[in-house]
Amino acid sequence: QPELWTVLDRVRDIRRFPEPAYGRWRPA
């Protein structure tokens, strides 16, 4: 389910910081 995976991956990003693809870097 690549489309659903992409949506959820984007949500994980912006939950940490409002910037797709890079928000996940914030905790580290």
mmCIF file of all heavy atoms, coordinates in Angstrom:
data_MODEL
# 
_entry.id   MODEL 
# 
loop_
_atom_site.group_PDB 
_atom_site.id 
_atom_site.type_symbol 
_atom_site.label_atom_id 
_atom_site.label_alt_id 
_atom_site.label_comp_id 
_atom_site.label_asym_id 
_atom_site.label_entity_id 
_atom_site.label_seq_id 
_atom_site.pdbx_PDB_ins_code 
_atom_site.Cartn_x 
_atom_site.Cartn_y 
_atom_site.Cartn_z 
_atom_site.occupancy 
_atom_site.B_iso_or_equiv 
_atom_site.pdbx_formal_charge 
_atom_site.auth_seq_id 
_atom_site.auth_comp_id 
_atom_site.auth_asym_id 
_atom_site.auth_atom_id 
_atom_site.pdbx_PDB_model_num 
ATOM 1   N N   . GLN A 1 1  ? 0.843  -1.200 0.000  1.00 0.00 ? 1  GLN A N   1 
ATOM 2   C CA  . GLN A 1 1  ? 0.000  0.000  0.000  1.00 0.00 ? 1  GLN A CA  1 
ATOM 3   C C   . GLN A 1 1  ? 0.885  1.260  0.000  1.00 0.00 ? 1  GLN A C   1 
ATOM 4   O O   . GLN A 1 1  ? 0.930  1.987  0.988  1.00 0.00 ? 1  GLN A O   1 
ATOM 5   C CB  . GLN A 1 1  ? -0.924 -0.010 1.224  1.00 0.00 ? 1  GLN A CB  1 
ATOM 6   C CG  . GLN A 1 1  ? -1.841 -1.217 1.274  1.00 0.00 ? 1  GLN A CG  1 
ATOM 7   C CD  . GLN A 1 1  ? -2.886 -1.100 2.353  1.00 0.00 ? 1  GLN A CD  1 
ATOM 8   O OE1 . GLN A 1 1  ? -3.729 -0.197 2.313  1.00 0.00 ? 1  GLN A OE1 1 
ATOM 9   N NE2 . GLN A 1 1  ? -2.819 -1.994 3.336  1.00 0.00 ? 1  GLN A NE2 1 
ATOM 10  N N   . PRO A 1 2  ? 1.586  1.513  -1.090 1.00 0.00 ? 2  PRO A N   1 
ATOM 11  C CA  . PRO A 1 2  ? 2.538  2.626  -1.115 1.00 0.00 ? 2  PRO A CA  1 
ATOM 12  C C   . PRO A 1 2  ? 1.899  3.997  -0.913 1.00 0.00 ? 2  PRO A C   1 
ATOM 13  O O   . PRO A 1 2  ? 2.496  4.877  -0.292 1.00 0.00 ? 2  PRO A O   1 
ATOM 14  C CB  . PRO A 1 2  ? 3.188  2.514  -2.502 1.00 0.00 ? 2  PRO A CB  1 
ATOM 15  C CG  . PRO A 1 2  ? 2.219  1.709  -3.322 1.00 0.00 ? 2  PRO A CG  1 
ATOM 16  C CD  . PRO A 1 2  ? 1.578  0.766  -2.356 1.00 0.00 ? 2  PRO A CD  1 
ATOM 17  N N   . GLU A 1 3  ? 0.665  4.189  -1.433 1.00 0.00 ? 3  GLU A N   1 
ATOM 18  C CA  . GLU A 1 3  ? 0.021  5.490  -1.272 1.00 0.00 ? 3  GLU A CA  1 
ATOM 19  C C   . GLU A 1 3  ? -0.306 5.756  0.195  1.00 0.00 ? 3  GLU A C   1 
ATOM 20  O O   . GLU A 1 3  ? -0.040 6.842  0.719  1.00 0.00 ? 3  GLU A O   1 
ATOM 21  C CB  . GLU A 1 3  ? -1.257 5.580  -2.117 1.00 0.00 ? 3  GLU A CB  1 
ATOM 22  C CG  . GLU A 1 3  ? -1.022 5.532  -3.615 1.00 0.00 ? 3  GLU A CG  1 
ATOM 23  C CD  . GLU A 1 3  ? -0.928 4.109  -4.139 1.00 0.00 ? 3  GLU A CD  1 
ATOM 24  O OE1 . GLU A 1 3  ? -1.054 3.151  -3.331 1.00 0.00 ? 3  GLU A OE1 1 
ATOM 25  O OE2 . GLU A 1 3  ? -0.721 3.946  -5.362 1.00 0.00 ? 3  GLU A OE2 1 
ATOM 26  N N   . LEU A 1 4  ? -0.861 4.754  0.877  1.00 0.00 ? 4  LEU A N   1 
ATOM 27  C CA  . LEU A 1 4  ? -1.192 4.904  2.281  1.00 0.00 ? 4  LEU A CA  1 
ATOM 28  C C   . LEU A 1 4  ? 0.072  5.067  3.117  1.00 0.00 ? 4  LEU A C   1 
ATOM 29  O O   . LEU A 1 4  ? 0.121  5.879  4.040  1.00 0.00 ? 4  LEU A O   1 
ATOM 30  C CB  . LEU A 1 4  ? -1.995 3.703  2.765  1.00 0.00 ? 4  LEU A CB  1 
ATOM 31  C CG  . LEU A 1 4  ? -2.420 3.723  4.248  1.00 0.00 ? 4  LEU A CG  1 
ATOM 32  C CD1 . LEU A 1 4  ? -3.238 4.978  4.560  1.00 0.00 ? 4  LEU A CD1 1 
ATOM 33  C CD2 . LEU A 1 4  ? -3.208 2.460  4.589  1.00 0.00 ? 4  LEU A CD2 1 
ATOM 34  N N   . TRP A 1 5  ? 1.102  4.294  2.772  1.00 0.00 ? 5  TRP A N   1 
ATOM 35  C CA  . TRP A 1 5  ? 2.375  4.424  3.490  1.00 0.00 ? 5  TRP A CA  1 
ATOM 36  C C   . TRP A 1 5  ? 2.919  5.843  3.376  1.00 0.00 ? 5  TRP A C   1 
ATOM 37  O O   . TRP A 1 5  ? 3.411  6.416  4.359  1.00 0.00 ? 5  TRP A O   1 
ATOM 38  C CB  . TRP A 1 5  ? 3.396  3.431  2.928  1.00 0.00 ? 5  TRP A CB  1 
ATOM 39  C CG  . TRP A 1 5  ? 4.737  3.516  3.615  1.00 0.00 ? 5  TRP A CG  1 
ATOM 40  C CD1 . TRP A 1 5  ? 5.163  2.790  4.685  1.00 0.00 ? 5  TRP A CD1 1 
ATOM 41  C CD2 . TRP A 1 5  ? 5.820  4.397  3.269  1.00 0.00 ? 5  TRP A CD2 1 
ATOM 42  N NE1 . TRP A 1 5  ? 6.429  3.157  5.048  1.00 0.00 ? 5  TRP A NE1 1 
ATOM 43  C CE2 . TRP A 1 5  ? 6.855  4.150  4.190  1.00 0.00 ? 5  TRP A CE2 1 
ATOM 44  C CE3 . TRP A 1 5  ? 5.999  5.369  2.287  1.00 0.00 ? 5  TRP A CE3 1 
ATOM 45  C CZ2 . TRP A 1 5  ? 8.068  4.832  4.142  1.00 0.00 ? 5  TRP A CZ2 1 
ATOM 46  C CZ3 . TRP A 1 5  ? 7.199  6.060  2.246  1.00 0.00 ? 5  TRP A CZ3 1 
ATOM 47  C CH2 . TRP A 1 5  ? 8.225  5.791  3.162  1.00 0.00 ? 5  TRP A CH2 1 
ATOM 48  N N   . THR A 1 6  ? 2.840  6.442  2.180  1.00 0.00 ? 6  THR A N   1 
ATOM 49  C CA  . THR A 1 6  ? 3.353  7.796  1.954  1.00 0.00 ? 6  THR A CA  1 
ATOM 50  C C   . THR A 1 6  ? 2.599  8.811  2.806  1.00 0.00 ? 6  THR A C   1 
ATOM 51  O O   . THR A 1 6  ? 3.197  9.715  3.395  1.00 0.00 ? 6  THR A O   1 
ATOM 52  C CB  . THR A 1 6  ? 3.243  8.164  0.463  1.00 0.00 ? 6  THR A CB  1 
ATOM 53  O OG1 . THR A 1 6  ? 4.035  7.245  -0.300 1.00 0.00 ? 6  THR A OG1 1 
ATOM 54  C CG2 . THR A 1 6  ? 3.731  9.577  0.219  1.00 0.00 ? 6  THR A CG2 1 
ATOM 55  N N   . VAL A 1 7  ? 1.279  8.668  2.879  1.00 0.00 ? 7  VAL A N   1 
ATOM 56  C CA  . VAL A 1 7  ? 0.476  9.586  3.702  1.00 0.00 ? 7  VAL A CA  1 
ATOM 57  C C   . VAL A 1 7  ? 0.866  9.486  5.161  1.00 0.00 ? 7  VAL A C   1 
ATOM 58  O O   . VAL A 1 7  ? 1.078  10.498 5.843  1.00 0.00 ? 7  VAL A O   1 
ATOM 59  C CB  . VAL A 1 7  ? -1.025 9.299  3.512  1.00 0.00 ? 7  VAL A CB  1 
ATOM 60  C CG1 . VAL A 1 7  ? -1.851 10.083 4.533  1.00 0.00 ? 7  VAL A CG1 1 
ATOM 61  C CG2 . VAL A 1 7  ? -1.462 9.635  2.095  1.00 0.00 ? 7  VAL A CG2 1 
ATOM 62  N N   . LEU A 1 8  ? 0.973  8.259  5.680  1.00 0.00 ? 8  LEU A N   1 
ATOM 63  C CA  . LEU A 1 8  ? 1.313  8.075  7.085  1.00 0.00 ? 8  LEU A CA  1 
ATOM 64  C C   . LEU A 1 8  ? 2.740  8.554  7.382  1.00 0.00 ? 8  LEU A C   1 
ATOM 65  O O   . LEU A 1 8  ? 3.008  9.106  8.450  1.00 0.00 ? 8  LEU A O   1 
ATOM 66  C CB  . LEU A 1 8  ? 1.159  6.603  7.473  1.00 0.00 ? 8  LEU A CB  1 
ATOM 67  C CG  . LEU A 1 8  ? -0.273 6.071  7.453  1.00 0.00 ? 8  LEU A CG  1 
ATOM 68  C CD1 . LEU A 1 8  ? -0.300 4.576  7.760  1.00 0.00 ? 8  LEU A CD1 1 
ATOM 69  C CD2 . LEU A 1 8  ? -1.144 6.828  8.455  1.00 0.00 ? 8  LEU A CD2 1 
ATOM 70  N N   . ASP A 1 9  ? 3.645  8.355  6.422  1.00 0.00 ? 9  ASP A N   1 
ATOM 71  C CA  . ASP A 1 9  ? 5.020  8.812  6.618  1.00 0.00 ? 9  ASP A CA  1 
ATOM 72  C C   . ASP A 1 9  ? 5.067  10.333 6.704  1.00 0.00 ? 9  ASP A C   1 
ATOM 73  O O   . ASP A 1 9  ? 5.802  10.903 7.528  1.00 0.00 ? 9  ASP A O   1 
ATOM 74  C CB  . ASP A 1 9  ? 5.896  8.324  5.456  1.00 0.00 ? 9  ASP A CB  1 
ATOM 75  C CG  . ASP A 1 9  ? 7.362  8.624  5.668  1.00 0.00 ? 9  ASP A CG  1 
ATOM 76  O OD1 . ASP A 1 9  ? 7.957  8.053  6.609  1.00 0.00 ? 9  ASP A OD1 1 
ATOM 77  O OD2 . ASP A 1 9  ? 7.919  9.437  4.905  1.00 0.00 ? 9  ASP A OD2 1 
ATOM 78  N N   . ARG A 1 10 ? 4.263  10.997 5.893  1.00 0.00 ? 10 ARG A N   1 
ATOM 79  C CA  . ARG A 1 10 ? 4.196  12.466 5.932  1.00 0.00 ? 10 ARG A CA  1 
ATOM 80  C C   . ARG A 1 10 ? 3.614  12.939 7.263  1.00 0.00 ? 10 ARG A C   1 
ATOM 81  O O   . ARG A 1 10 ? 4.096  13.909 7.842  1.00 0.00 ? 10 ARG A O   1 
ATOM 82  C CB  . ARG A 1 10 ? 3.340  12.974 4.776  1.00 0.00 ? 10 ARG A CB  1 
ATOM 83  C CG  . ARG A 1 10 ? 3.192  14.485 4.714  1.00 0.00 ? 10 ARG A CG  1 
ATOM 84  C CD  . ARG A 1 10 ? 2.229  14.889 3.620  1.00 0.00 ? 10 ARG A CD  1 
ATOM 85  N NE  . ARG A 1 10 ? 2.018  16.325 3.600  1.00 0.00 ? 10 ARG A NE  1 
ATOM 86  C CZ  . ARG A 1 10 ? 2.647  17.169 2.801  1.00 0.00 ? 10 ARG A CZ  1 
ATOM 87  N NH1 . ARG A 1 10 ? 3.564  16.720 1.975  1.00 0.00 ? 10 ARG A NH1 1 
ATOM 88  N NH2 . ARG A 1 10 ? 2.387  18.462 2.829  1.00 0.00 ? 10 ARG A NH2 1 
ATOM 89  N N   . VAL A 1 11 ? 2.612  12.238 7.757  1.00 0.00 ? 11 VAL A N   1 
ATOM 90  C CA  . VAL A 1 11 ? 2.014  12.595 9.046  1.00 0.00 ? 11 VAL A CA  1 
ATOM 91  C C   . VAL A 1 11 ? 3.049  12.483 10.162 1.00 0.00 ? 11 VAL A C   1 
ATOM 92  O O   . VAL A 1 11 ? 3.126  13.339 11.050 1.00 0.00 ? 11 VAL A O   1 
ATOM 93  C CB  . VAL A 1 11 ? 0.792  11.712 9.347  1.00 0.00 ? 11 VAL A CB  1 
ATOM 94  C CG1 . VAL A 1 11 ? 0.334  11.890 10.787 1.00 0.00 ? 11 VAL A CG1 1 
ATOM 95  C CG2 . VAL A 1 11 ? -0.344 12.042 8.381  1.00 0.00 ? 11 VAL A CG2 1 
ATOM 96  N N   . ARG A 1 12 ? 3.858  11.420 10.128 1.00 0.00 ? 12 ARG A N   1 
ATOM 97  C CA  . ARG A 1 12 ? 4.904  11.247 11.140 1.00 0.00 ? 12 ARG A CA  1 
ATOM 98  C C   . ARG A 1 12 ? 5.886  12.416 11.108 1.00 0.00 ? 12 ARG A C   1 
ATOM 99  O O   . ARG A 1 12 ? 6.366  12.876 12.141 1.00 0.00 ? 12 ARG A O   1 
ATOM 100 C CB  . ARG A 1 12 ? 5.641  9.930  10.919 1.00 0.00 ? 12 ARG A CB  1 
ATOM 101 C CG  . ARG A 1 12 ? 4.888  8.712  11.419 1.00 0.00 ? 12 ARG A CG  1 
ATOM 102 C CD  . ARG A 1 12 ? 5.805  7.491  11.436 1.00 0.00 ? 12 ARG A CD  1 
ATOM 103 N NE  . ARG A 1 12 ? 6.160  7.067  10.088 1.00 0.00 ? 12 ARG A NE  1 
ATOM 104 C CZ  . ARG A 1 12 ? 5.490  6.161  9.393  1.00 0.00 ? 12 ARG A CZ  1 
ATOM 105 N NH1 . ARG A 1 12 ? 4.402  5.600  9.918  1.00 0.00 ? 12 ARG A NH1 1 
ATOM 106 N NH2 . ARG A 1 12 ? 5.881  5.807  8.192  1.00 0.00 ? 12 ARG A NH2 1 
ATOM 107 N N   . ASP A 1 13 ? 6.196  12.889 9.895  1.00 0.00 ? 13 ASP A N   1 
ATOM 108 C CA  . ASP A 1 13 ? 7.099  14.043 9.751  1.00 0.00 ? 13 ASP A CA  1 
ATOM 109 C C   . ASP A 1 13 ? 6.527  15.281 10.412 1.00 0.00 ? 13 ASP A C   1 
ATOM 110 O O   . ASP A 1 13 ? 7.149  15.870 11.295 1.00 0.00 ? 13 ASP A O   1 
ATOM 111 C CB  . ASP A 1 13 ? 7.319  14.346 8.258  1.00 0.00 ? 13 ASP A CB  1 
ATOM 112 C CG  . ASP A 1 13 ? 8.587  13.708 7.724  1.00 0.00 ? 13 ASP A CG  1 
ATOM 113 O OD1 . ASP A 1 13 ? 9.440  13.322 8.534  1.00 0.00 ? 13 ASP A OD1 1 
ATOM 114 O OD2 . ASP A 1 13 ? 8.698  13.594 6.499  1.00 0.00 ? 13 ASP A OD2 1 
ATOM 115 N N   . ILE A 1 14 ? 5.366  15.688 9.961  1.00 0.00 ? 14 ILE A N   1 
ATOM 116 C CA  . ILE A 1 14 ? 4.841  16.981 10.388 1.00 0.00 ? 14 ILE A CA  1 
ATOM 117 C C   . ILE A 1 14 ? 4.335  16.967 11.821 1.00 0.00 ? 14 ILE A C   1 
ATOM 118 O O   . ILE A 1 14 ? 4.114  18.032 12.404 1.00 0.00 ? 14 ILE A O   1 
ATOM 119 C CB  . ILE A 1 14 ? 3.749  17.481 9.417  1.00 0.00 ? 14 ILE A CB  1 
ATOM 120 C CG1 . ILE A 1 14 ? 2.571  16.518 9.380  1.00 0.00 ? 14 ILE A CG1 1 
ATOM 121 C CG2 . ILE A 1 14 ? 4.322  17.682 8.021  1.00 0.00 ? 14 ILE A CG2 1 
ATOM 122 C CD1 . ILE A 1 14 ? 1.434  17.002 8.483  1.00 0.00 ? 14 ILE A CD1 1 
ATOM 123 N N   . ARG A 1 15 ? 4.138  15.772 12.407 1.00 0.00 ? 15 ARG A N   1 
ATOM 124 C CA  . ARG A 1 15 ? 3.782  15.708 13.820 1.00 0.00 ? 15 ARG A CA  1 
ATOM 125 C C   . ARG A 1 15 ? 4.953  16.248 14.659 1.00 0.00 ? 15 ARG A C   1 
ATOM 126 O O   . ARG A 1 15 ? 4.755  16.900 15.682 1.00 0.00 ? 15 ARG A O   1 
ATOM 127 C CB  . ARG A 1 15 ? 3.468  14.267 14.211 1.00 0.00 ? 15 ARG A CB  1 
ATOM 128 C CG  . ARG A 1 15 ? 3.052  14.110 15.681 1.00 0.00 ? 15 ARG A CG  1 
ATOM 129 C CD  . ARG A 1 15 ? 2.917  12.651 16.034 1.00 0.00 ? 15 ARG A CD  1 
ATOM 130 N NE  . ARG A 1 15 ? 1.950  11.978 15.161 1.00 0.00 ? 15 ARG A NE  1 
ATOM 131 C CZ  . ARG A 1 15 ? 1.927  10.667 14.970 1.00 0.00 ? 15 ARG A CZ  1 
ATOM 132 N NH1 . ARG A 1 15 ? 2.842  9.898  15.543 1.00 0.00 ? 15 ARG A NH1 1 
ATOM 133 N NH2 . ARG A 1 15 ? 0.999  10.137 14.196 1.00 0.00 ? 15 ARG A NH2 1 
ATOM 134 N N   . ARG A 1 16 ? 6.178  15.981 14.217 1.00 0.00 ? 16 ARG A N   1 
ATOM 135 C CA  . ARG A 1 16 ? 7.352  16.428 14.951 1.00 0.00 ? 16 ARG A CA  1 
ATOM 136 C C   . ARG A 1 16 ? 7.694  17.885 14.644 1.00 0.00 ? 16 ARG A C   1 
ATOM 137 O O   . ARG A 1 16 ? 8.114  18.637 15.519 1.00 0.00 ? 16 ARG A O   1 
ATOM 138 C CB  . ARG A 1 16 ? 8.543  15.536 14.606 1.00 0.00 ? 16 ARG A CB  1 
ATOM 139 C CG  . ARG A 1 16 ? 8.360  14.079 15.016 1.00 0.00 ? 16 ARG A CG  1 
ATOM 140 C CD  . ARG A 1 16 ? 9.582  13.259 14.648 1.00 0.00 ? 16 ARG A CD  1 
ATOM 141 N NE  . ARG A 1 16 ? 9.466  11.880 15.100 1.00 0.00 ? 16 ARG A NE  1 
ATOM 142 C CZ  . ARG A 1 16 ? 9.101  10.876 14.329 1.00 0.00 ? 16 ARG A CZ  1 
ATOM 143 N NH1 . ARG A 1 16 ? 8.775  11.111 13.053 1.00 0.00 ? 16 ARG A NH1 1 
ATOM 144 N NH2 . ARG A 1 16 ? 9.039  9.655  14.794 1.00 0.00 ? 16 ARG A NH2 1 
ATOM 145 N N   . PHE A 1 17 ? 7.528  18.254 13.376 1.00 0.00 ? 17 PHE A N   1 
ATOM 146 C CA  . PHE A 1 17 ? 7.854  19.613 12.934 1.00 0.00 ? 17 PHE A CA  1 
ATOM 147 C C   . PHE A 1 17 ? 7.156  19.824 11.600 1.00 0.00 ? 17 PHE A C   1 
ATOM 148 O O   . PHE A 1 17 ? 7.174  18.925 10.749 1.00 0.00 ? 17 PHE A O   1 
ATOM 149 C CB  . PHE A 1 17 ? 9.373  19.780 12.787 1.00 0.00 ? 17 PHE A CB  1 
ATOM 150 C CG  . PHE A 1 17 ? 9.812  21.181 12.450 1.00 0.00 ? 17 PHE A CG  1 
ATOM 151 C CD1 . PHE A 1 17 ? 9.835  22.160 13.431 1.00 0.00 ? 17 PHE A CD1 1 
ATOM 152 C CD2 . PHE A 1 17 ? 10.189 21.527 11.161 1.00 0.00 ? 17 PHE A CD2 1 
ATOM 153 C CE1 . PHE A 1 17 ? 10.235 23.460 13.139 1.00 0.00 ? 17 PHE A CE1 1 
ATOM 154 C CE2 . PHE A 1 17 ? 10.589 22.818 10.854 1.00 0.00 ? 17 PHE A CE2 1 
ATOM 155 C CZ  . PHE A 1 17 ? 10.604 23.780 11.848 1.00 0.00 ? 17 PHE A CZ  1 
ATOM 156 N N   . PRO A 1 18 ? 6.555  20.995 11.367 1.00 0.00 ? 18 PRO A N   1 
ATOM 157 C CA  . PRO A 1 18 ? 5.724  21.179 10.158 1.00 0.00 ? 18 PRO A CA  1 
ATOM 158 C C   . PRO A 1 18 ? 6.541  21.370 8.887  1.00 0.00 ? 18 PRO A C   1 
ATOM 159 O O   . PRO A 1 18 ? 6.503  22.420 8.240  1.00 0.00 ? 18 PRO A O   1 
ATOM 160 C CB  . PRO A 1 18 ? 4.905  22.426 10.499 1.00 0.00 ? 18 PRO A CB  1 
ATOM 161 C CG  . PRO A 1 18 ? 5.770  23.199 11.433 1.00 0.00 ? 18 PRO A CG  1 
ATOM 162 C CD  . PRO A 1 18 ? 6.484  22.172 12.258 1.00 0.00 ? 18 PRO A CD  1 
ATOM 163 N N   . GLU A 1 19 ? 7.279  20.330 8.518  1.00 0.00 ? 19 GLU A N   1 
ATOM 164 C CA  . GLU A 1 19 ? 8.071  20.365 7.284  1.00 0.00 ? 19 GLU A CA  1 
ATOM 165 C C   . GLU A 1 19 ? 8.177  18.947 6.738  1.00 0.00 ? 19 GLU A C   1 
ATOM 166 O O   . GLU A 1 19 ? 8.889  18.116 7.303  1.00 0.00 ? 19 GLU A O   1 
ATOM 167 C CB  . GLU A 1 19 ? 9.461  20.945 7.550  1.00 0.00 ? 19 GLU A CB  1 
ATOM 168 C CG  . GLU A 1 19 ? 10.270 21.174 6.293  1.00 0.00 ? 19 GLU A CG  1 
ATOM 169 C CD  . GLU A 1 19 ? 11.557 21.923 6.555  1.00 0.00 ? 19 GLU A CD  1 
ATOM 170 O OE1 . GLU A 1 19 ? 12.127 21.780 7.652  1.00 0.00 ? 19 GLU A OE1 1 
ATOM 171 O OE2 . GLU A 1 19 ? 11.997 22.670 5.658  1.00 0.00 ? 19 GLU A OE2 1 
ATOM 172 N N   . PRO A 1 20 ? 7.472  18.645 5.652  1.00 0.00 ? 20 PRO A N   1 
ATOM 173 C CA  . PRO A 1 20 ? 7.501  17.296 5.095  1.00 0.00 ? 20 PRO A CA  1 
ATOM 174 C C   . PRO A 1 20 ? 8.923  16.862 4.748  1.00 0.00 ? 20 PRO A C   1 
ATOM 175 O O   . PRO A 1 20 ? 9.740  17.662 4.301  1.00 0.00 ? 20 PRO A O   1 
ATOM 176 C CB  . PRO A 1 20 ? 6.643  17.420 3.830  1.00 0.00 ? 20 PRO A CB  1 
ATOM 177 C CG  . PRO A 1 20 ? 5.756  18.597 4.088  1.00 0.00 ? 20 PRO A CG  1 
ATOM 178 C CD  . PRO A 1 20 ? 6.573  19.543 4.916  1.00 0.00 ? 20 PRO A CD  1 
ATOM 179 N N   . ALA A 1 21 ? 9.189  15.582 4.970  1.00 0.00 ? 21 ALA A N   1 
ATOM 180 C CA  . ALA A 1 21 ? 10.457 14.924 4.655  1.00 0.00 ? 21 ALA A CA  1 
ATOM 181 C C   . ALA A 1 21 ? 11.573 15.234 5.639  1.00 0.00 ? 21 ALA A C   1 
ATOM 182 O O   . ALA A 1 21 ? 12.510 14.456 5.776  1.00 0.00 ? 21 ALA A O   1 
ATOM 183 C CB  . ALA A 1 21 ? 10.921 15.255 3.238  1.00 0.00 ? 21 ALA A CB  1 
ATOM 184 N N   . TYR A 1 22 ? 11.504 16.367 6.343  1.00 0.00 ? 22 TYR A N   1 
ATOM 185 C CA  . TYR A 1 22 ? 12.591 16.745 7.238  1.00 0.00 ? 22 TYR A CA  1 
ATOM 186 C C   . TYR A 1 22 ? 12.173 16.853 8.702  1.00 0.00 ? 22 TYR A C   1 
ATOM 187 O O   . TYR A 1 22 ? 13.032 16.869 9.588  1.00 0.00 ? 22 TYR A O   1 
ATOM 188 C CB  . TYR A 1 22 ? 13.195 18.082 6.795  1.00 0.00 ? 22 TYR A CB  1 
ATOM 189 C CG  . TYR A 1 22 ? 13.770 18.049 5.403  1.00 0.00 ? 22 TYR A CG  1 
ATOM 190 C CD1 . TYR A 1 22 ? 13.072 18.581 4.322  1.00 0.00 ? 22 TYR A CD1 1 
ATOM 191 C CD2 . TYR A 1 22 ? 15.000 17.451 5.157  1.00 0.00 ? 22 TYR A CD2 1 
ATOM 192 C CE1 . TYR A 1 22 ? 13.591 18.535 3.042  1.00 0.00 ? 22 TYR A CE1 1 
ATOM 193 C CE2 . TYR A 1 22 ? 15.532 17.401 3.878  1.00 0.00 ? 22 TYR A CE2 1 
ATOM 194 C CZ  . TYR A 1 22 ? 14.817 17.939 2.822  1.00 0.00 ? 22 TYR A CZ  1 
ATOM 195 O OH  . TYR A 1 22 ? 15.338 17.890 1.559  1.00 0.00 ? 22 TYR A OH  1 
ATOM 196 N N   . GLY A 1 23 ? 10.879 16.941 8.980  1.00 0.00 ? 23 GLY A N   1 
ATOM 197 C CA  . GLY A 1 23 ? 10.421 17.112 10.349 1.00 0.00 ? 23 GLY A CA  1 
ATOM 198 C C   . GLY A 1 23 ? 10.890 16.016 11.287 1.00 0.00 ? 23 GLY A C   1 
ATOM 199 O O   . GLY A 1 23 ? 11.106 16.237 12.484 1.00 0.00 ? 23 GLY A O   1 
ATOM 200 N N   . ARG A 1 24 ? 11.092 14.813 10.753 1.00 0.00 ? 24 ARG A N   1 
ATOM 201 C CA  . ARG A 1 24 ? 11.513 13.673 11.567 1.00 0.00 ? 24 ARG A CA  1 
ATOM 202 C C   . ARG A 1 24 ? 12.896 13.867 12.186 1.00 0.00 ? 24 ARG A C   1 
ATOM 203 O O   . ARG A 1 24 ? 13.280 13.131 13.093 1.00 0.00 ? 24 ARG A O   1 
ATOM 204 C CB  . ARG A 1 24 ? 11.513 12.404 10.717 1.00 0.00 ? 24 ARG A CB  1 
ATOM 205 C CG  . ARG A 1 24 ? 12.610 12.384 9.655  1.00 0.00 ? 24 ARG A CG  1 
ATOM 206 C CD  . ARG A 1 24 ? 12.475 11.188 8.721  1.00 0.00 ? 24 ARG A CD  1 
ATOM 207 N NE  . ARG A 1 24 ? 11.240 11.279 7.978  1.00 0.00 ? 24 ARG A NE  1 
ATOM 208 C CZ  . ARG A 1 24 ? 10.509 10.219 7.651  1.00 0.00 ? 24 ARG A CZ  1 
ATOM 209 N NH1 . ARG A 1 24 ? 10.884 9.011  8.016  1.00 0.00 ? 24 ARG A NH1 1 
ATOM 210 N NH2 . ARG A 1 24 ? 9.399  10.376 6.960  1.00 0.00 ? 24 ARG A NH2 1 
ATOM 211 N N   . TRP A 1 25 ? 13.666 14.821 11.668 1.00 0.00 ? 25 TRP A N   1 
ATOM 212 C CA  . TRP A 1 25 ? 15.039 15.014 12.170 1.00 0.00 ? 25 TRP A CA  1 
ATOM 213 C C   . TRP A 1 25 ? 15.044 15.731 13.522 1.00 0.00 ? 25 TRP A C   1 
ATOM 214 O O   . TRP A 1 25 ? 16.044 15.717 14.219 1.00 0.00 ? 25 TRP A O   1 
ATOM 215 C CB  . TRP A 1 25 ? 15.851 15.797 11.149 1.00 0.00 ? 25 TRP A CB  1 
ATOM 216 C CG  . TRP A 1 25 ? 17.332 15.640 11.279 1.00 0.00 ? 25 TRP A CG  1 
ATOM 217 C CD1 . TRP A 1 25 ? 18.021 14.549 11.701 1.00 0.00 ? 25 TRP A CD1 1 
ATOM 218 C CD2 . TRP A 1 25 ? 18.328 16.625 10.952 1.00 0.00 ? 25 TRP A CD2 1 
ATOM 219 N NE1 . TRP A 1 25 ? 19.374 14.773 11.665 1.00 0.00 ? 25 TRP A NE1 1 
ATOM 220 C CE2 . TRP A 1 25 ? 19.587 16.038 11.199 1.00 0.00 ? 25 TRP A CE2 1 
ATOM 221 C CE3 . TRP A 1 25 ? 18.260 17.923 10.465 1.00 0.00 ? 25 TRP A CE3 1 
ATOM 222 C CZ2 . TRP A 1 25 ? 20.783 16.723 10.983 1.00 0.00 ? 25 TRP A CZ2 1 
ATOM 223 C CZ3 . TRP A 1 25 ? 19.453 18.606 10.250 1.00 0.00 ? 25 TRP A CZ3 1 
ATOM 224 C CH2 . TRP A 1 25 ? 20.692 18.019 10.503 1.00 0.00 ? 25 TRP A CH2 1 
ATOM 225 N N   . ARG A 1 26 ? 13.936 16.345 13.899 1.00 0.00 ? 26 ARG A N   1 
ATOM 226 C CA  . ARG A 1 26 ? 13.911 17.180 15.094 1.00 0.00 ? 26 ARG A CA  1 
ATOM 227 C C   . ARG A 1 26 ? 14.348 16.458 16.371 1.00 0.00 ? 26 ARG A C   1 
ATOM 228 O O   . ARG A 1 26 ? 15.216 16.978 17.095 1.00 0.00 ? 26 ARG A O   1 
ATOM 229 C CB  . ARG A 1 26 ? 12.518 17.785 15.279 1.00 0.00 ? 26 ARG A CB  1 
ATOM 230 C CG  . ARG A 1 26 ? 12.410 18.636 16.537 1.00 0.00 ? 26 ARG A CG  1 
ATOM 231 C CD  . ARG A 1 26 ? 11.035 19.234 16.726 1.00 0.00 ? 26 ARG A CD  1 
ATOM 232 N NE  . ARG A 1 26 ? 10.985 20.108 17.897 1.00 0.00 ? 26 ARG A NE  1 
ATOM 233 C CZ  . ARG A 1 26 ? 9.951  20.874 18.196 1.00 0.00 ? 26 ARG A CZ  1 
ATOM 234 N NH1 . ARG A 1 26 ? 8.888  20.893 17.426 1.00 0.00 ? 26 ARG A NH1 1 
ATOM 235 N NH2 . ARG A 1 26 ? 9.996  21.637 19.271 1.00 0.00 ? 26 ARG A NH2 1 
ATOM 236 N N   . PRO A 1 27 ? 13.784 15.295 16.732 1.00 0.00 ? 27 PRO A N   1 
ATOM 237 C CA  . PRO A 1 27 ? 14.186 14.675 18.002 1.00 0.00 ? 27 PRO A CA  1 
ATOM 238 C C   . PRO A 1 27 ? 15.683 14.387 18.073 1.00 0.00 ? 27 PRO A C   1 
ATOM 239 O O   . PRO A 1 27 ? 16.320 14.630 19.106 1.00 0.00 ? 27 PRO A O   1 
ATOM 240 C CB  . PRO A 1 27 ? 13.366 13.383 18.038 1.00 0.00 ? 27 PRO A CB  1 
ATOM 241 C CG  . PRO A 1 27 ? 12.196 13.649 17.148 1.00 0.00 ? 27 PRO A CG  1 
ATOM 242 C CD  . PRO A 1 27 ? 12.721 14.522 16.061 1.00 0.00 ? 27 PRO A CD  1 
ATOM 243 N N   . ALA A 1 28 ? 16.253 13.863 16.990 1.00 0.00 ? 28 ALA A N   1 
ATOM 244 C CA  . ALA A 1 28 ? 17.681 13.548 16.992 1.00 0.00 ? 28 ALA A CA  1 
ATOM 245 C C   . ALA A 1 28 ? 18.525 14.811 17.095 1.00 0.00 ? 28 ALA A C   1 
ATOM 246 O O   . ALA A 1 28 ? 19.564 14.832 17.774 1.00 0.00 ? 28 ALA A O   1 
ATOM 247 C CB  . ALA A 1 28 ? 18.043 12.770 15.727 1.00 0.00 ? 28 ALA A CB  1 
# 
